[in-house]
PDB file of all heavy atoms in Angstrom:
ATOM      1  N   LEU A   1       0.837  -1.197   0.000  1.00  0.00           N
ATOM      2  CA  LEU A   1       0.000   0.000   0.000  1.00  0.00           C
ATOM      3  C   LEU A   1       0.875   1.251   0.000  1.00  0.00           C
ATOM      4  O   LEU A   1       2.029   1.216   0.441  1.00  0.00           O
ATOM      5  CB  LEU A   1      -0.914   0.002   1.224  1.00  0.00           C
ATOM      6  CG  LEU A   1      -1.890  -1.167   1.344  1.00  0.00           C
ATOM      7  CD1 LEU A   1      -2.634  -1.101   2.674  1.00  0.00           C
ATOM      8  CD2 LEU A   1      -2.883  -1.161   0.183  1.00  0.00           C
ATOM      9  N   PRO A   2       0.337   2.369  -0.455  1.00  0.00           N
ATOM     10  CA  PRO A   2       1.109   3.616  -0.373  1.00  0.00           C
ATOM     11  C   PRO A   2       1.238   4.050   1.081  1.00  0.00           C
ATOM     12  O   PRO A   2       0.368   3.763   1.900  1.00  0.00           O
ATOM     13  CB  PRO A   2       0.241   4.603  -1.181  1.00  0.00           C
ATOM     14  CG  PRO A   2      -1.141   4.059  -1.082  1.00  0.00           C
ATOM     15  CD  PRO A   2      -0.994   2.558  -1.073  1.00  0.00           C
ATOM     16  N   GLY A   3       2.318   4.724   1.393  1.00  0.00           N
ATOM     17  CA  GLY A   3       2.454   5.269   2.733  1.00  0.00           C
ATOM     18  C   GLY A   3       3.523   4.642   3.597  1.00  0.00           C
ATOM     19  O   GLY A   3       3.604   4.945   4.793  1.00  0.00           O
ATOM     20  N   ALA A   4       4.377   3.778   3.038  1.00  0.00           N
ATOM     21  CA  ALA A   4       5.409   3.135   3.849  1.00  0.00           C
ATOM     22  C   ALA A   4       6.384   4.167   4.419  1.00  0.00           C
ATOM     23  O   ALA A   4       6.792   4.068   5.581  1.00  0.00           O
ATOM     24  CB  ALA A   4       6.161   2.096   3.017  1.00  0.00           C
ATOM     25  N   THR A   5       6.754   5.155   3.616  1.00  0.00           N
ATOM     26  CA  THR A   5       7.676   6.185   4.103  1.00  0.00           C
ATOM     27  C   THR A   5       7.024   7.009   5.202  1.00  0.00           C
ATOM     28  O   THR A   5       7.648   7.319   6.227  1.00  0.00           O
ATOM     29  CB  THR A   5       8.110   7.102   2.950  1.00  0.00           C
ATOM     30  OG1 THR A   5       8.768   6.330   1.944  1.00  0.00           O
ATOM     31  CG2 THR A   5       9.068   8.176   3.447  1.00  0.00           C
ATOM     32  N   ILE A   6       5.747   7.370   5.011  1.00  0.00           N
ATOM     33  CA  ILE A   6       5.020   8.117   6.029  1.00  0.00           C
ATOM     34  C   ILE A   6       4.911   7.294   7.305  1.00  0.00           C
ATOM     35  O   ILE A   6       5.016   7.824   8.419  1.00  0.00           O
ATOM     36  CB  ILE A   6       3.620   8.507   5.515  1.00  0.00           C
ATOM     37  CG1 ILE A   6       3.738   9.450   4.315  1.00  0.00           C
ATOM     38  CG2 ILE A   6       2.802   9.162   6.621  1.00  0.00           C
ATOM     39  CD1 ILE A   6       4.467  10.742   4.630  1.00  0.00           C
ATOM     40  N   ALA A   7       4.701   5.997   7.164  1.00  0.00           N
ATOM     41  CA  ALA A   7       4.619   5.126   8.339  1.00  0.00           C
ATOM     42  C   ALA A   7       5.932   5.132   9.103  1.00  0.00           C
ATOM     43  O   ALA A   7       5.950   5.175  10.344  1.00  0.00           O
ATOM     44  CB  ALA A   7       4.251   3.704   7.916  1.00  0.00           C
ATOM     45  N   THR A   8       7.045   5.090   8.383  1.00  0.00           N
ATOM     46  CA  THR A   8       8.347   5.113   9.042  1.00  0.00           C
ATOM     47  C   THR A   8       8.560   6.426   9.789  1.00  0.00           C
ATOM     48  O   THR A   8       9.036   6.443  10.922  1.00  0.00           O
ATOM     49  CB  THR A   8       9.477   4.920   8.008  1.00  0.00           C
ATOM     50  OG1 THR A   8       9.236   3.732   7.263  1.00  0.00           O
ATOM     51  CG2 THR A   8      10.834   4.816   8.693  1.00  0.00           C
ATOM     52  N   LEU A   9       8.192   7.536   9.147  1.00  0.00           N
ATOM     53  CA  LEU A   9       8.286   8.832   9.807  1.00  0.00           C
ATOM     54  C   LEU A   9       7.387   8.886  11.040  1.00  0.00           C
ATOM     55  O   LEU A   9       7.764   9.437  12.077  1.00  0.00           O
ATOM     56  CB  LEU A   9       7.898   9.946   8.833  1.00  0.00           C
ATOM     57  CG  LEU A   9       8.821  10.182   7.642  1.00  0.00           C
ATOM     58  CD1 LEU A   9       8.202  11.201   6.697  1.00  0.00           C
ATOM     59  CD2 LEU A   9      10.192  10.643   8.101  1.00  0.00           C
ATOM     60  N   THR A  10       6.201   8.306  10.922  1.00  0.00           N
ATOM     61  CA  THR A  10       5.271   8.299  12.046  1.00  0.00           C
ATOM     62  C   THR A  10       5.837   7.521  13.223  1.00  0.00           C
ATOM     63  O   THR A  10       5.636   7.892  14.387  1.00  0.00           O
ATOM     64  CB  THR A  10       3.921   7.687  11.622  1.00  0.00           C
ATOM     65  OG1 THR A  10       3.395   8.429  10.511  1.00  0.00           O
ATOM     66  CG2 THR A  10       2.910   7.739  12.755  1.00  0.00           C
ATOM     67  N   GLY A  11       6.551   6.444  12.929  1.00  0.00           N
ATOM     68  CA  GLY A  11       7.192   5.681  13.994  1.00  0.00           C
ATOM     69  C   GLY A  11       8.151   6.539  14.803  1.00  0.00           C
ATOM     70  O   GLY A  11       8.200   6.456  16.033  1.00  0.00           O
ATOM     71  N   GLY A  12       8.918   7.378  14.115  1.00  0.00           N
ATOM     72  CA  GLY A  12       9.809   8.290  14.816  1.00  0.00           C
ATOM     73  C   GLY A  12       9.061   9.403  15.522  1.00  0.00           C
ATOM     74  O   GLY A  12       9.412   9.796  16.637  1.00  0.00           O
ATOM     75  N   PHE A  13       8.025   9.921  14.868  1.00  0.00           N
ATOM     76  CA  PHE A  13       7.239  11.018  15.434  1.00  0.00           C
ATOM     77  C   PHE A  13       6.557  10.606  16.735  1.00  0.00           C
ATOM     78  O   PHE A  13       6.536  11.361  17.707  1.00  0.00           O
ATOM     79  CB  PHE A  13       6.198  11.461  14.404  1.00  0.00           C
ATOM     80  CG  PHE A  13       5.259  12.517  14.905  1.00  0.00           C
ATOM     81  CD1 PHE A  13       5.720  13.786  15.216  1.00  0.00           C
ATOM     82  CD2 PHE A  13       3.912  12.241  15.068  1.00  0.00           C
ATOM     83  CE1 PHE A  13       4.855  14.759  15.685  1.00  0.00           C
ATOM     84  CE2 PHE A  13       3.043  13.208  15.527  1.00  0.00           C
ATOM     85  CZ  PHE A  13       3.513  14.472  15.841  1.00  0.00           C
ATOM     86  N   LEU A  14       6.016   9.394  16.758  1.00  0.00           N
ATOM     87  CA  LEU A  14       5.270   8.935  17.932  1.00  0.00           C
ATOM     88  C   LEU A  14       6.155   8.336  19.015  1.00  0.00           C
ATOM     89  O   LEU A  14       5.865   8.486  20.206  1.00  0.00           O
ATOM     90  CB  LEU A  14       4.220   7.896  17.507  1.00  0.00           C
ATOM     91  CG  LEU A  14       3.028   8.394  16.699  1.00  0.00           C
ATOM     92  CD1 LEU A  14       2.138   7.223  16.298  1.00  0.00           C
ATOM     93  CD2 LEU A  14       2.231   9.420  17.489  1.00  0.00           C
ATOM     94  N   PHE A  15       7.227   7.657  18.605  1.00  0.00           N
ATOM     95  CA  PHE A  15       7.977   6.860  19.577  1.00  0.00           C
ATOM     96  C   PHE A  15       9.457   7.246  19.679  1.00  0.00           C
ATOM     97  O   PHE A  15      10.225   6.523  20.314  1.00  0.00           O
ATOM     98  CB  PHE A  15       7.859   5.376  19.228  1.00  0.00           C
ATOM     99  CG  PHE A  15       6.444   4.913  19.041  1.00  0.00           C
ATOM    100  CD1 PHE A  15       5.948   4.616  17.781  1.00  0.00           C
ATOM    101  CD2 PHE A  15       5.590   4.790  20.134  1.00  0.00           C
ATOM    102  CE1 PHE A  15       4.638   4.192  17.604  1.00  0.00           C
ATOM    103  CE2 PHE A  15       4.280   4.368  19.969  1.00  0.00           C
ATOM    104  CZ  PHE A  15       3.791   4.065  18.703  1.00  0.00           C
ATOM    105  N   ALA A  16       9.854   8.349  19.032  1.00  0.00           N
ATOM    106  CA  ALA A  16      11.252   8.788  19.001  1.00  0.00           C
ATOM    107  C   ALA A  16      12.101   7.805  18.189  1.00  0.00           C
ATOM    108  O   ALA A  16      11.598   6.800  17.686  1.00  0.00           O
ATOM    109  CB  ALA A  16      11.807   8.953  20.411  1.00  0.00           C
ATOM    110  N   THR A  17      13.375   8.113  18.047  1.00  0.00           N
ATOM    111  CA  THR A  17      14.240   7.251  17.237  1.00  0.00           C
ATOM    112  C   THR A  17      14.276   5.831  17.794  1.00  0.00           C
ATOM    113  O   THR A  17      14.279   4.851  17.053  1.00  0.00           O
ATOM    114  CB  THR A  17      15.661   7.829  17.171  1.00  0.00           C
ATOM    115  OG1 THR A  17      15.601   9.163  16.638  1.00  0.00           O
ATOM    116  CG2 THR A  17      16.549   6.978  16.278  1.00  0.00           C
ATOM    117  N   PHE A  18      14.301   5.736  19.127  1.00  0.00           N
ATOM    118  CA  PHE A  18      14.156   4.434  19.779  1.00  0.00           C
ATOM    119  C   PHE A  18      13.106   4.580  20.881  1.00  0.00           C
ATOM    120  O   PHE A  18      13.160   5.522  21.653  1.00  0.00           O
ATOM    121  CB  PHE A  18      15.476   3.947  20.390  1.00  0.00           C
ATOM    122  CG  PHE A  18      15.388   2.561  20.956  1.00  0.00           C
ATOM    123  CD1 PHE A  18      15.584   1.465  20.132  1.00  0.00           C
ATOM    124  CD2 PHE A  18      15.080   2.355  22.297  1.00  0.00           C
ATOM    125  CE1 PHE A  18      15.488   0.187  20.641  1.00  0.00           C
ATOM    126  CE2 PHE A  18      14.968   1.080  22.813  1.00  0.00           C
ATOM    127  CZ  PHE A  18      15.169  -0.006  21.980  1.00  0.00           C
ATOM    128  N   PRO A  19      12.087   3.702  20.884  1.00  0.00           N
ATOM    129  CA  PRO A  19      11.991   2.432  20.143  1.00  0.00           C
ATOM    130  C   PRO A  19      11.331   2.528  18.769  1.00  0.00           C
ATOM    131  O   PRO A  19      10.984   1.505  18.182  1.00  0.00           O
ATOM    132  CB  PRO A  19      11.135   1.582  21.073  1.00  0.00           C
ATOM    133  CG  PRO A  19      10.195   2.558  21.695  1.00  0.00           C
ATOM    134  CD  PRO A  19      10.992   3.816  21.888  1.00  0.00           C
ATOM    135  N   GLY A  20      11.157   3.749  18.245  1.00  0.00           N
ATOM    136  CA  GLY A  20      10.499   3.882  16.952  1.00  0.00           C
ATOM    137  C   GLY A  20      11.149   3.075  15.850  1.00  0.00           C
ATOM    138  O   GLY A  20      10.472   2.409  15.055  1.00  0.00           O
ATOM    139  N   ALA A  21      12.495   3.132  15.780  1.00  0.00           N
ATOM    140  CA  ALA A  21      13.201   2.377  14.742  1.00  0.00           C
ATOM    141  C   ALA A  21      12.967   0.876  14.907  1.00  0.00           C
ATOM    142  O   ALA A  21      12.815   0.152  13.914  1.00  0.00           O
ATOM    143  CB  ALA A  21      14.687   2.690  14.787  1.00  0.00           C
ATOM    144  N   LEU A  22      12.935   0.408  16.148  1.00  0.00           N
ATOM    145  CA  LEU A  22      12.694  -1.018  16.389  1.00  0.00           C
ATOM    146  C   LEU A  22      11.298  -1.414  15.926  1.00  0.00           C
ATOM    147  O   LEU A  22      11.128  -2.443  15.270  1.00  0.00           O
ATOM    148  CB  LEU A  22      12.850  -1.328  17.876  1.00  0.00           C
ATOM    149  CG  LEU A  22      12.599  -2.780  18.295  1.00  0.00           C
ATOM    150  CD1 LEU A  22      13.589  -3.720  17.609  1.00  0.00           C
ATOM    151  CD2 LEU A  22      12.688  -2.928  19.812  1.00  0.00           C
ATOM    152  N   PHE A  23      10.291  -0.598  16.243  1.00  0.00           N
ATOM    153  CA  PHE A  23       8.932  -0.877  15.780  1.00  0.00           C
ATOM    154  C   PHE A  23       8.880  -0.898  14.253  1.00  0.00           C
ATOM    155  O   PHE A  23       8.228  -1.757  13.641  1.00  0.00           O
ATOM    156  CB  PHE A  23       7.958   0.178  16.312  1.00  0.00           C
ATOM    157  CG  PHE A  23       7.768   0.152  17.805  1.00  0.00           C
ATOM    158  CD1 PHE A  23       7.302   1.260  18.479  1.00  0.00           C
ATOM    159  CD2 PHE A  23       8.065  -0.983  18.545  1.00  0.00           C
ATOM    160  CE1 PHE A  23       7.124   1.246  19.852  1.00  0.00           C
ATOM    161  CE2 PHE A  23       7.899  -1.023  19.926  1.00  0.00           C
ATOM    162  CZ  PHE A  23       7.425   0.107  20.575  1.00  0.00           C
ATOM    163  N   ASN A  24       9.565   0.055  13.628  1.00  0.00           N
ATOM    164  CA  ASN A  24       9.568   0.127  12.164  1.00  0.00           C
ATOM    165  C   ASN A  24      10.207  -1.108  11.536  1.00  0.00           C
ATOM    166  O   ASN A  24       9.686  -1.671  10.569  1.00  0.00           O
ATOM    167  CB  ASN A  24      10.311   1.384  11.701  1.00  0.00           C
ATOM    168  CG  ASN A  24       9.510   2.657  11.912  1.00  0.00           C
ATOM    169  OD1 ASN A  24       8.276   2.623  11.959  1.00  0.00           O
ATOM    170  ND2 ASN A  24      10.191   3.776  12.037  1.00  0.00           N
ATOM    171  N   VAL A  25      11.335  -1.518  12.087  1.00  0.00           N
ATOM    172  CA  VAL A  25      12.052  -2.671  11.529  1.00  0.00           C
ATOM    173  C   VAL A  25      11.245  -3.952  11.715  1.00  0.00           C
ATOM    174  O   VAL A  25      11.148  -4.782  10.796  1.00  0.00           O
ATOM    175  CB  VAL A  25      13.443  -2.801  12.178  1.00  0.00           C
ATOM    176  CG1 VAL A  25      14.103  -4.117  11.769  1.00  0.00           C
ATOM    177  CG2 VAL A  25      14.326  -1.632  11.771  1.00  0.00           C
ATOM    178  N   ILE A  26      10.650  -4.131  12.890  1.00  0.00           N
ATOM    179  CA  ILE A  26       9.833  -5.329  13.139  1.00  0.00           C
ATOM    180  C   ILE A  26       8.648  -5.373  12.180  1.00  0.00           C
ATOM    181  O   ILE A  26       8.353  -6.422  11.577  1.00  0.00           O
ATOM    182  CB  ILE A  26       9.343  -5.351  14.601  1.00  0.00           C
ATOM    183  CG1 ILE A  26      10.517  -5.616  15.553  1.00  0.00           C
ATOM    184  CG2 ILE A  26       8.263  -6.416  14.797  1.00  0.00           C
ATOM    185  CD1 ILE A  26      10.158  -5.502  17.021  1.00  0.00           C
ATOM    186  N   ALA A  27       7.961  -4.243  12.027  1.00  0.00           N
ATOM    187  CA  ALA A  27       6.784  -4.207  11.155  1.00  0.00           C
ATOM    188  C   ALA A  27       7.165  -4.431   9.693  1.00  0.00           C
ATOM    189  O   ALA A  27       6.512  -5.205   8.980  1.00  0.00           O
ATOM    190  CB  ALA A  27       6.069  -2.866  11.316  1.00  0.00           C
ATOM    191  N   ALA A  28       8.226  -3.759   9.236  1.00  0.00           N
ATOM    192  CA  ALA A  28       8.641  -3.905   7.842  1.00  0.00           C
ATOM    193  C   ALA A  28       9.098  -5.332   7.551  1.00  0.00           C
ATOM    194  O   ALA A  28       8.800  -5.887   6.487  1.00  0.00           O
ATOM    195  CB  ALA A  28       9.760  -2.914   7.519  1.00  0.00           C
ATOM    196  N   THR A  29       9.822  -5.933   8.481  1.00  0.00           N
ATOM    197  CA  THR A  29      10.278  -7.311   8.291  1.00  0.00           C
ATOM    198  C   THR A  29       9.106  -8.274   8.247  1.00  0.00           C
ATOM    199  O   THR A  29       9.072  -9.197   7.411  1.00  0.00           O
ATOM    200  CB  THR A  29      11.237  -7.716   9.424  1.00  0.00           C
ATOM    201  OG1 THR A  29      12.361  -6.823   9.443  1.00  0.00           O
ATOM    202  CG2 THR A  29      11.738  -9.134   9.229  1.00  0.00           C
ATOM    203  N   THR A  30       8.124  -8.085   9.114  1.00  0.00           N
ATOM    204  CA  THR A  30       6.947  -8.951   9.124  1.00  0.00           C
ATOM    205  C   THR A  30       6.158  -8.832   7.832  1.00  0.00           C
ATOM    206  O   THR A  30       5.751  -9.846   7.230  1.00  0.00           O
ATOM    207  CB  THR A  30       6.037  -8.600  10.323  1.00  0.00           C
ATOM    208  OG1 THR A  30       6.789  -8.688  11.533  1.00  0.00           O
ATOM    209  CG2 THR A  30       4.855  -9.551  10.398  1.00  0.00           C
ATOM    210  N   GLY A  31       5.942  -7.605   7.381  1.00  0.00           N
ATOM    211  CA  GLY A  31       5.222  -7.407   6.123  1.00  0.00           C
ATOM    212  C   GLY A  31       5.974  -7.970   4.936  1.00  0.00           C
ATOM    213  O   GLY A  31       5.384  -8.582   4.041  1.00  0.00           O
ATOM    214  N   ALA A  32       7.304  -7.769   4.923  1.00  0.00           N
ATOM    215  CA  ALA A  32       8.127  -8.307   3.836  1.00  0.00           C
ATOM    216  C   ALA A  32       8.078  -9.831   3.818  1.00  0.00           C
ATOM    217  O   ALA A  32       8.032 -10.452   2.746  1.00  0.00           O
ATOM    218  CB  ALA A  32       9.565  -7.836   3.991  1.00  0.00           C
ATOM    219  N   THR A  33       8.070 -10.438   5.004  1.00  0.00           N
ATOM    220  CA  THR A  33       8.007 -11.896   5.086  1.00  0.00           C
ATOM    221  C   THR A  33       6.689 -12.417   4.530  1.00  0.00           C
ATOM    222  O   THR A  33       6.646 -13.475   3.890  1.00  0.00           O
ATOM    223  CB  THR A  33       8.181 -12.350   6.545  1.00  0.00           C
ATOM    224  OG1 THR A  33       9.435 -11.861   7.036  1.00  0.00           O
ATOM    225  CG2 THR A  33       8.161 -13.864   6.664  1.00  0.00           C
ATOM    226  N   ALA A  34       5.610 -11.685   4.752  1.00  0.00           N
ATOM    227  CA  ALA A  34       4.313 -12.093   4.211  1.00  0.00           C
ATOM    228  C   ALA A  34       4.342 -12.118   2.680  1.00  0.00           C
ATOM    229  O   ALA A  34       3.850 -13.066   2.049  1.00  0.00           O
ATOM    230  CB  ALA A  34       3.217 -11.147   4.704  1.00  0.00           C
ATOM    231  N   ILE A  35       4.938 -11.083   2.079  1.00  0.00           N
ATOM    232  CA  ILE A  35       5.055 -11.058   0.613  1.00  0.00           C
ATOM    233  C   ILE A  35       5.953 -12.188   0.133  1.00  0.00           C
ATOM    234  O   ILE A  35       5.665 -12.867  -0.863  1.00  0.00           O
ATOM    235  CB  ILE A  35       5.617  -9.705   0.142  1.00  0.00           C
ATOM    236  CG1 ILE A  35       4.647  -8.578   0.470  1.00  0.00           C
ATOM    237  CG2 ILE A  35       5.880  -9.735  -1.363  1.00  0.00           C
ATOM    238  CD1 ILE A  35       5.141  -7.220   0.040  1.00  0.00           C
ATOM    239  N   PHE A  36       7.063 -12.392   0.820  1.00  0.00           N
ATOM    240  CA  PHE A  36       8.003 -13.459   0.462  1.00  0.00           C
ATOM    241  C   PHE A  36       7.310 -14.820   0.453  1.00  0.00           C
ATOM    242  O   PHE A  36       7.451 -15.598  -0.496  1.00  0.00           O
ATOM    243  CB  PHE A  36       9.163 -13.448   1.460  1.00  0.00           C
ATOM    244  CG  PHE A  36      10.100 -14.621   1.350  1.00  0.00           C
ATOM    245  CD1 PHE A  36      11.141 -14.596   0.448  1.00  0.00           C
ATOM    246  CD2 PHE A  36       9.936 -15.742   2.155  1.00  0.00           C
ATOM    247  CE1 PHE A  36      12.017 -15.677   0.344  1.00  0.00           C
ATOM    248  CE2 PHE A  36      10.796 -16.818   2.064  1.00  0.00           C
ATOM    249  CZ  PHE A  36      11.841 -16.793   1.157  1.00  0.00           C
ATOM    250  N   LEU A  37       6.556 -15.111   1.505  1.00  0.00           N
ATOM    251  CA  LEU A  37       5.874 -16.405   1.597  1.00  0.00           C
ATOM    252  C   LEU A  37       4.809 -16.549   0.521  1.00  0.00           C
ATOM    253  O   LEU A  37       4.645 -17.633  -0.061  1.00  0.00           O
ATOM    254  CB  LEU A  37       5.250 -16.564   2.987  1.00  0.00           C
ATOM    255  CG  LEU A  37       6.243 -16.736   4.142  1.00  0.00           C
ATOM    256  CD1 LEU A  37       5.513 -16.738   5.475  1.00  0.00           C
ATOM    257  CD2 LEU A  37       7.046 -18.022   3.969  1.00  0.00           C
ATOM    258  N   ALA A  38       4.086 -15.469   0.248  1.00  0.00           N
ATOM    259  CA  ALA A  38       3.059 -15.519  -0.795  1.00  0.00           C
ATOM    260  C   ALA A  38       3.684 -15.780  -2.163  1.00  0.00           C
ATOM    261  O   ALA A  38       3.173 -16.582  -2.956  1.00  0.00           O
ATOM    262  CB  ALA A  38       2.263 -14.217  -0.815  1.00  0.00           C
ATOM    263  N   ALA A  39       4.815 -15.104  -2.436  1.00  0.00           N
ATOM    264  CA  ALA A  39       5.484 -15.281  -3.723  1.00  0.00           C
ATOM    265  C   ALA A  39       6.070 -16.679  -3.849  1.00  0.00           C
ATOM    266  O   ALA A  39       5.979 -17.309  -4.907  1.00  0.00           O
ATOM    267  CB  ALA A  39       6.584 -14.228  -3.891  1.00  0.00           C
ATOM    268  N   ARG A  40       6.663 -17.178  -2.774  1.00  0.00           N
ATOM    269  CA  ARG A  40       7.254 -18.523  -2.845  1.00  0.00           C
ATOM    270  C   ARG A  40       6.163 -19.583  -2.966  1.00  0.00           C
ATOM    271  O   ARG A  40       6.329 -20.562  -3.678  1.00  0.00           O
ATOM    272  CB  ARG A  40       8.129 -18.794  -1.621  1.00  0.00           C
ATOM    273  CG  ARG A  40       8.914 -20.096  -1.780  1.00  0.00           C
ATOM    274  CD  ARG A  40      10.037 -20.207  -0.798  1.00  0.00           C
ATOM    275  NE  ARG A  40       9.560 -20.480   0.544  1.00  0.00           N
ATOM    276  CZ  ARG A  40      10.383 -20.741   1.576  1.00  0.00           C
ATOM    277  NH1 ARG A  40      11.687 -20.710   1.402  1.00  0.00           N
ATOM    278  NH2 ARG A  40       9.904 -20.995   2.771  1.00  0.00           N
ATOM    279  N   TRP A  41       5.065 -19.397  -2.239  1.00  0.00           N
ATOM    280  CA  TRP A  41       3.957 -20.344  -2.338  1.00  0.00           C
ATOM    281  C   TRP A  41       3.386 -20.372  -3.750  1.00  0.00           C
ATOM    282  O   TRP A  41       3.055 -21.422  -4.289  1.00  0.00           O
ATOM    283  CB  TRP A  41       2.873 -19.957  -1.333  1.00  0.00           C
ATOM    284  CG  TRP A  41       1.631 -20.778  -1.407  1.00  0.00           C
ATOM    285  CD1 TRP A  41       0.459 -20.448  -2.032  1.00  0.00           C
ATOM    286  CD2 TRP A  41       1.419 -22.077  -0.861  1.00  0.00           C
ATOM    287  NE1 TRP A  41      -0.465 -21.448  -1.898  1.00  0.00           N
ATOM    288  CE2 TRP A  41       0.103 -22.463  -1.184  1.00  0.00           C
ATOM    289  CE3 TRP A  41       2.223 -22.947  -0.122  1.00  0.00           C
ATOM    290  CZ2 TRP A  41      -0.430 -23.690  -0.792  1.00  0.00           C
ATOM    291  CZ3 TRP A  41       1.687 -24.158   0.274  1.00  0.00           C
ATOM    292  CH2 TRP A  41       0.378 -24.522  -0.060  1.00  0.00           C
ATOM    293  N   GLY A  42       3.275 -19.190  -4.366  1.00  0.00           N
ATOM    294  CA  GLY A  42       2.652 -19.119  -5.679  1.00  0.00           C
ATOM    295  C   GLY A  42       3.581 -19.429  -6.835  1.00  0.00           C
ATOM    296  O   GLY A  42       3.172 -20.062  -7.811  1.00  0.00           O
ATOM    297  N   LEU A  43       4.827 -18.988  -6.738  1.00  0.00           N
ATOM    298  CA  LEU A  43       5.717 -19.092  -7.897  1.00  0.00           C
ATOM    299  C   LEU A  43       7.096 -19.655  -7.579  1.00  0.00           C
ATOM    300  O   LEU A  43       7.704 -20.316  -8.418  1.00  0.00           O
ATOM    301  CB  LEU A  43       5.904 -17.695  -8.524  1.00  0.00           C
ATOM    302  CG  LEU A  43       4.650 -16.978  -9.024  1.00  0.00           C
ATOM    303  CD1 LEU A  43       4.996 -15.543  -9.388  1.00  0.00           C
ATOM    304  CD2 LEU A  43       4.046 -17.700 -10.209  1.00  0.00           C
TER     305      LEU A  43
END
């Protein structure tokens, strides 16, 4: 979806650099893993 950059900025805005960066990395990794699994399952 559009808005990944805004989401990352929001993580810093709401939670400061830390733990904001940790929240951002966990969320991005989880979402990326979902795409990875879907792509591997399908193709």
